[in-house]
């Protein structure tokens, strides 16, 4: 899950950034780190899933640039091999370590290339500017606001910002922030083609996309488990994952026992 924070101005105070980051330590109980970029602060609370060693801790740094990311970068292994061929080296098995090399190669165009769910904040050491971005669906949370001096602050939850900003807004999905404004890199509502396939083909495509989506989410260094709600969705995903994995799945379900008063207040059928 993790949580991230970016206090993006030289006037930011470390104690304010640290206090804001601490409000979401429950999202990342494994480790916490706050760094001074020279023009503000980047913070990260870690829940270890990929690259479990200390080298996988964020912020990642490369030549004075830094990045924090709450996300999962699918298919990162072949991308990492490609970047190695371009001369980049890596110190961890974390999927998010590829982000700074990708930024060096493609700039903000990298957001269009990512198959990922993510929220990230990047400090470009060459230009001294901050860039933030969120996945096209908005799976990973990201919020922003401005402090009393007009400095923008990004964070995973509104409560990180509540003592810093008078107004807190959700970061728009499918957008990145750069040069003081938001830019759309992908609009999921912008559809220029509707499928004309027959029903059998459509059902086959849905099945294949679902299986690929489940399979790519099974890549983790930490143990994989499933929280079952008792409904069809979680049971379907869990059953498909069990067929794809070579080892038993751990499943978790939770039932809340109703109080006696709840039973007596139920309508008769």
Protein backbone atom coordinates (compact mmCIF):
# COMPACT_ATOMS: atom_id res chain seq x y z
CA UNK A 1 0.00 0.00 0.00
CA UNK A 2 2.70 2.53 1.08
CA UNK A 3 2.29 6.29 1.40
CA UNK A 4 4.13 9.15 -0.24
CA UNK A 5 4.58 12.86 0.43
CA UNK A 6 6.07 15.69 -1.56
CA UNK A 7 6.46 19.16 -0.03
CA UNK A 8 7.64 20.95 -3.12
CA UNK A 9 9.32 24.21 -2.15
CA UNK A 10 12.51 25.51 -0.57
CA UNK A 11 10.48 27.29 2.12
CA UNK A 12 9.08 23.98 3.40
CA UNK A 13 10.07 23.07 6.95
CA UNK A 14 11.33 19.57 7.70
CA UNK A 15 9.32 19.26 10.91
CA UNK A 16 6.10 20.04 9.02
CA UNK A 17 6.88 17.47 6.33
CA UNK A 18 7.80 14.84 8.93
CA UNK A 19 4.60 15.41 10.90
CA UNK A 20 2.50 15.16 7.74
CA UNK A 21 4.19 11.94 6.63
CA UNK A 22 3.73 10.36 10.06
CA UNK A 23 -0.05 10.61 9.76
CA UNK A 24 -0.10 7.68 7.32
CA UNK A 25 2.53 5.43 8.87
CA UNK A 26 -0.13 2.68 8.98
CA UNK A 27 0.02 2.51 5.17
CA UNK A 28 3.73 1.69 5.31
CA UNK A 29 4.72 0.17 8.66
CA UNK A 30 7.94 -1.52 7.45
CA UNK A 31 10.11 1.59 7.12
CA UNK A 32 9.89 5.37 6.80
CA UNK A 33 12.20 7.94 5.25
CA UNK A 34 12.15 11.68 4.57
CA UNK A 35 14.83 13.32 2.43
CA UNK A 36 15.73 16.93 1.70
CA UNK A 37 16.02 17.51 -2.06
CA UNK A 38 17.42 21.00 -1.56
CA UNK A 39 14.13 22.44 -2.78
CA UNK A 40 11.70 20.69 -0.49
CA UNK A 41 11.11 17.21 0.87
CA UNK A 42 10.10 13.78 -0.36
CA UNK A 43 8.83 11.17 2.09
CA UNK A 44 7.94 7.49 1.92
CA UNK A 45 6.30 5.01 4.29
CA UNK A 46 7.04 1.50 3.06
CA UNK A 47 4.97 -1.65 2.89
CA UNK A 48 7.44 -4.16 1.44
CA UNK A 49 6.08 -6.15 -1.51
CA UNK A 50 8.79 -6.05 -4.19
CA UNK A 51 12.53 -5.90 -3.51
CA UNK A 52 12.28 -6.70 0.19
CA UNK A 53 15.87 -5.75 1.07
CA UNK A 54 16.86 -2.33 2.47
CA UNK A 55 18.09 -1.40 -1.02
CA UNK A 56 14.46 -1.42 -2.16
CA UNK A 57 13.60 1.44 0.20
CA UNK A 58 12.52 4.74 -1.34
CA UNK A 59 13.11 7.52 -2.24
CA UNK A 60 15.26 6.20 -5.07
CA UNK A 61 18.06 8.54 -6.12
CA UNK A 62 19.97 8.92 -9.36
CA UNK A 63 22.39 11.77 -10.12
CA UNK A 64 20.59 14.17 -7.79
CA UNK A 65 17.08 13.21 -8.90
CA UNK A 66 14.66 11.42 -6.57
CA UNK A 67 11.36 9.56 -6.85
CA UNK A 68 8.78 8.12 -4.46
CA UNK A 69 6.05 5.86 -5.79
CA UNK A 70 3.12 4.04 -4.27
CA UNK A 71 2.41 1.54 -6.99
CA UNK A 72 2.94 -1.66 -8.90
CA UNK A 73 4.78 -1.52 -12.24
CA UNK A 74 3.61 -4.55 -14.22
CA UNK A 75 6.01 -6.14 -16.67
CA UNK A 76 8.93 -4.30 -15.11
CA UNK A 77 11.37 -7.18 -15.51
CA UNK A 78 11.73 -6.99 -19.33
CA UNK A 79 11.80 -3.19 -19.06
CA UNK A 80 14.59 -3.50 -16.52
CA UNK A 81 16.58 -5.75 -18.87
CA UNK A 82 16.11 -3.23 -21.67
CA UNK A 83 17.41 -0.45 -19.43
CA UNK A 84 20.40 -2.57 -18.42
CA UNK A 85 21.19 -2.85 -22.11
CA UNK A 86 21.16 0.94 -22.23
CA UNK A 87 23.83 1.04 -19.52
CA UNK A 88 21.73 1.52 -16.38
CA UNK A 89 22.53 -0.37 -13.20
CA UNK A 90 20.23 -1.30 -10.33
CA UNK A 91 20.77 -2.05 -6.65
CA UNK A 92 17.45 -3.72 -5.76
CA UNK A 93 14.68 -5.95 -7.08
CA UNK A 94 12.06 -3.23 -6.62
CA UNK A 95 9.83 -2.57 -9.61
CA UNK A 96 9.84 1.16 -8.87
CA UNK A 97 13.61 1.47 -9.24
CA UNK A 98 13.16 1.59 -13.02
CA UNK A 99 11.25 4.90 -12.84
CA UNK A 100 14.21 7.30 -12.77
CA UNK A 101 15.99 5.57 -15.69
CA UNK A 102 12.70 5.61 -17.62
CA UNK A 103 12.37 9.33 -16.91
CA UNK A 104 15.91 9.93 -18.15
CA UNK A 105 15.09 8.06 -21.35
CA UNK A 106 11.59 9.33 -22.10
CA UNK A 107 10.79 12.29 -19.83
CA UNK A 108 7.09 12.70 -19.07
CA UNK A 109 6.25 10.52 -22.09
CA UNK A 110 7.09 7.57 -19.85
CA UNK A 111 3.65 7.84 -18.23
CA UNK A 112 2.03 6.73 -21.49
CA UNK A 113 4.30 3.68 -21.56
CA UNK A 114 3.60 2.37 -18.07
CA UNK A 115 1.35 -0.62 -17.49
CA UNK A 116 0.86 0.19 -13.84
CA UNK A 117 -1.27 1.38 -10.98
CA UNK A 118 0.63 4.15 -9.28
CA UNK A 119 0.93 7.55 -7.69
CA UNK A 120 4.39 9.10 -7.82
CA UNK A 121 6.30 12.28 -7.07
CA UNK A 122 9.60 12.94 -8.81
CA UNK A 123 12.22 15.61 -8.22
CA UNK A 124 14.31 16.41 -11.29
CA UNK A 125 17.77 17.31 -10.02
CA UNK A 126 18.77 18.84 -13.35
CA UNK A 127 15.92 21.35 -13.55
CA UNK A 128 15.05 21.64 -9.85
CA UNK A 129 11.36 21.01 -10.54
CA UNK A 130 8.85 18.53 -9.17
CA UNK A 131 6.69 16.24 -11.29
CA UNK A 132 3.79 14.16 -9.99
CA UNK A 133 1.57 11.65 -11.77
CA UNK A 134 -1.28 9.21 -11.21
CA UNK A 135 -2.45 6.13 -13.10
CA UNK A 136 -5.25 6.52 -15.69
CA UNK A 137 -7.96 4.92 -13.55
CA UNK A 138 -6.90 6.50 -10.27
CA UNK A 139 -6.39 3.20 -8.47
CA UNK A 140 -3.68 4.58 -6.21
CA UNK A 141 -4.69 7.62 -4.15
CA UNK A 142 -3.04 11.01 -4.48
CA UNK A 143 -4.12 14.42 -3.22
CA UNK A 144 -2.69 17.91 -3.36
CA UNK A 145 -3.05 21.37 -1.91
CA UNK A 146 -1.13 24.61 -1.39
CA UNK A 147 0.33 25.92 1.85
CA UNK A 148 0.02 29.52 3.00
CA UNK A 149 3.03 30.50 0.85
CA UNK A 150 1.55 28.91 -2.26
CA UNK A 151 3.84 25.86 -2.21
CA UNK A 152 2.19 22.76 -3.64
CA UNK A 153 2.10 19.64 -1.47
CA UNK A 154 1.25 16.10 -2.66
CA UNK A 155 0.29 13.18 -0.43
CA UNK A 156 -1.44 9.81 -0.38
CA UNK A 157 -4.28 10.87 1.90
CA UNK A 158 -6.08 14.12 2.79
CA UNK A 159 -5.06 13.78 6.44
CA UNK A 160 -1.42 14.25 5.42
CA UNK A 161 -2.34 17.72 4.17
CA UNK A 162 -5.00 18.89 6.58
CA UNK A 163 -2.63 20.96 8.75
CA UNK A 164 -0.68 22.32 5.78
CA UNK A 165 -3.36 23.26 3.24
CA UNK A 166 -6.66 25.10 3.52
CA UNK A 167 -8.09 23.31 0.48
CA UNK A 168 -7.36 19.69 -0.46
CA UNK A 169 -8.13 18.28 -3.91
CA UNK A 170 -7.85 14.83 -5.51
CA UNK A 171 -5.08 14.53 -8.08
CA UNK A 172 -6.81 13.89 -11.44
CA UNK A 173 -6.31 10.33 -12.79
CA UNK A 174 -4.43 9.98 -16.06
CA UNK A 175 -2.61 13.27 -15.50
CA UNK A 176 0.81 14.51 -14.57
CA UNK A 177 1.79 17.79 -12.91
CA UNK A 178 4.66 19.78 -14.39
CA UNK A 179 5.59 23.45 -14.71
CA UNK A 180 2.82 24.48 -12.34
CA UNK A 181 -0.07 22.88 -14.23
CA UNK A 182 -1.77 19.55 -14.87
CA UNK A 183 -1.50 17.73 -18.19
CA UNK A 184 -3.62 14.79 -19.36
CA UNK A 185 -1.62 11.89 -20.77
CA UNK A 186 -4.54 9.46 -20.98
CA UNK A 187 -8.30 10.01 -20.73
CA UNK A 188 -10.12 6.72 -20.13
CA UNK A 189 -13.43 8.31 -21.18
CA UNK A 190 -12.09 9.29 -24.61
CA UNK A 191 -13.22 6.37 -26.80
CA UNK A 192 -12.88 6.54 -30.57
CA UNK A 193 -13.71 2.92 -31.40
CA UNK A 194 -16.49 0.54 -30.38
CA UNK A 195 -16.09 -3.18 -30.84
CA UNK A 196 -18.24 -4.77 -33.54
CA UNK A 197 -17.18 -8.33 -32.66
CA UNK A 198 -19.72 -11.09 -32.14
CA UNK A 199 -20.68 -12.17 -28.62
CA UNK A 200 -18.43 -15.25 -28.55
CA UNK A 201 -15.39 -13.20 -29.53
CA UNK A 202 -16.20 -10.53 -26.95
CA UNK A 203 -16.57 -13.13 -24.18
CA UNK A 204 -13.27 -14.77 -25.19
CA UNK A 205 -11.51 -11.41 -25.12
CA UNK A 206 -12.94 -10.60 -21.68
CA UNK A 207 -11.75 -13.98 -20.38
CA UNK A 208 -8.26 -13.55 -21.82
CA UNK A 209 -7.87 -9.99 -20.53
CA UNK A 210 -9.07 -11.04 -17.08
CA UNK A 211 -6.56 -13.91 -16.92
CA UNK A 212 -3.69 -11.68 -18.07
CA UNK A 213 -4.69 -9.06 -15.51
CA UNK A 214 -4.69 -11.62 -12.70
CA UNK A 215 -1.43 -13.22 -13.79
CA UNK A 216 0.57 -10.00 -13.86
CA UNK A 217 -0.60 -9.16 -10.34
CA UNK A 218 0.85 -12.40 -8.95
CA UNK A 219 4.43 -11.15 -9.36
CA UNK A 220 5.52 -10.30 -5.80
CA UNK A 221 8.44 -11.02 -3.50
CA UNK A 222 6.13 -11.07 -0.48
CA UNK A 223 3.60 -13.92 -0.03
CA UNK A 224 0.41 -13.52 -2.07
CA UNK A 225 -2.96 -13.91 -0.36
CA UNK A 226 -6.59 -13.18 -1.14
CA UNK A 227 -9.23 -11.46 0.94
CA UNK A 228 -12.55 -13.13 0.14
CA UNK A 229 -15.72 -11.09 0.53
CA UNK A 230 -18.05 -14.02 -0.07
CA UNK A 231 -19.14 -12.60 -3.42
CA UNK A 232 -18.53 -13.78 -6.97
CA UNK A 233 -15.81 -11.26 -7.89
CA UNK A 234 -13.25 -12.21 -5.25
CA UNK A 235 -14.03 -15.92 -5.63
CA UNK A 236 -13.53 -15.74 -9.40
CA UNK A 237 -10.21 -13.91 -9.12
CA UNK A 238 -8.98 -16.24 -6.38
CA UNK A 239 -9.97 -19.36 -8.33
CA UNK A 240 -8.19 -18.12 -11.45
CA UNK A 241 -5.08 -17.24 -9.44
CA UNK A 242 -5.04 -20.68 -7.83
CA UNK A 243 -4.94 -22.26 -11.29
CA UNK A 244 -2.06 -20.00 -12.34
CA UNK A 245 0.13 -20.49 -9.26
CA UNK A 246 2.28 -23.49 -8.49
CA UNK A 247 1.71 -23.33 -4.74
CA UNK A 248 -1.35 -23.12 -2.46
CA UNK A 249 -2.98 -19.74 -1.95
CA UNK A 250 -3.64 -18.28 1.47
CA UNK A 251 -7.16 -16.90 1.69
CA UNK A 252 -8.66 -14.66 4.34
CA UNK A 253 -12.27 -13.86 5.08
CA UNK A 254 -13.85 -11.88 7.84
CA UNK A 255 -17.31 -12.19 9.30
CA UNK A 256 -18.77 -9.69 11.69
CA UNK A 257 -21.17 -11.26 14.14
CA UNK A 258 -24.31 -9.09 14.42
CA UNK A 259 -25.45 -8.02 17.86
CA UNK A 260 -28.69 -9.48 19.27
CA UNK A 261 -30.38 -6.11 18.77
CA UNK A 262 -29.54 -6.29 15.06
CA UNK A 263 -31.34 -9.61 14.77
CA UNK A 264 -34.44 -8.37 16.55
CA UNK A 265 -34.60 -5.29 14.33
CA UNK A 266 -34.54 -7.31 11.10
CA UNK A 267 -37.82 -7.24 9.17
CA UNK A 268 -39.91 -10.39 8.93
CA UNK A 269 -39.98 -12.20 5.60
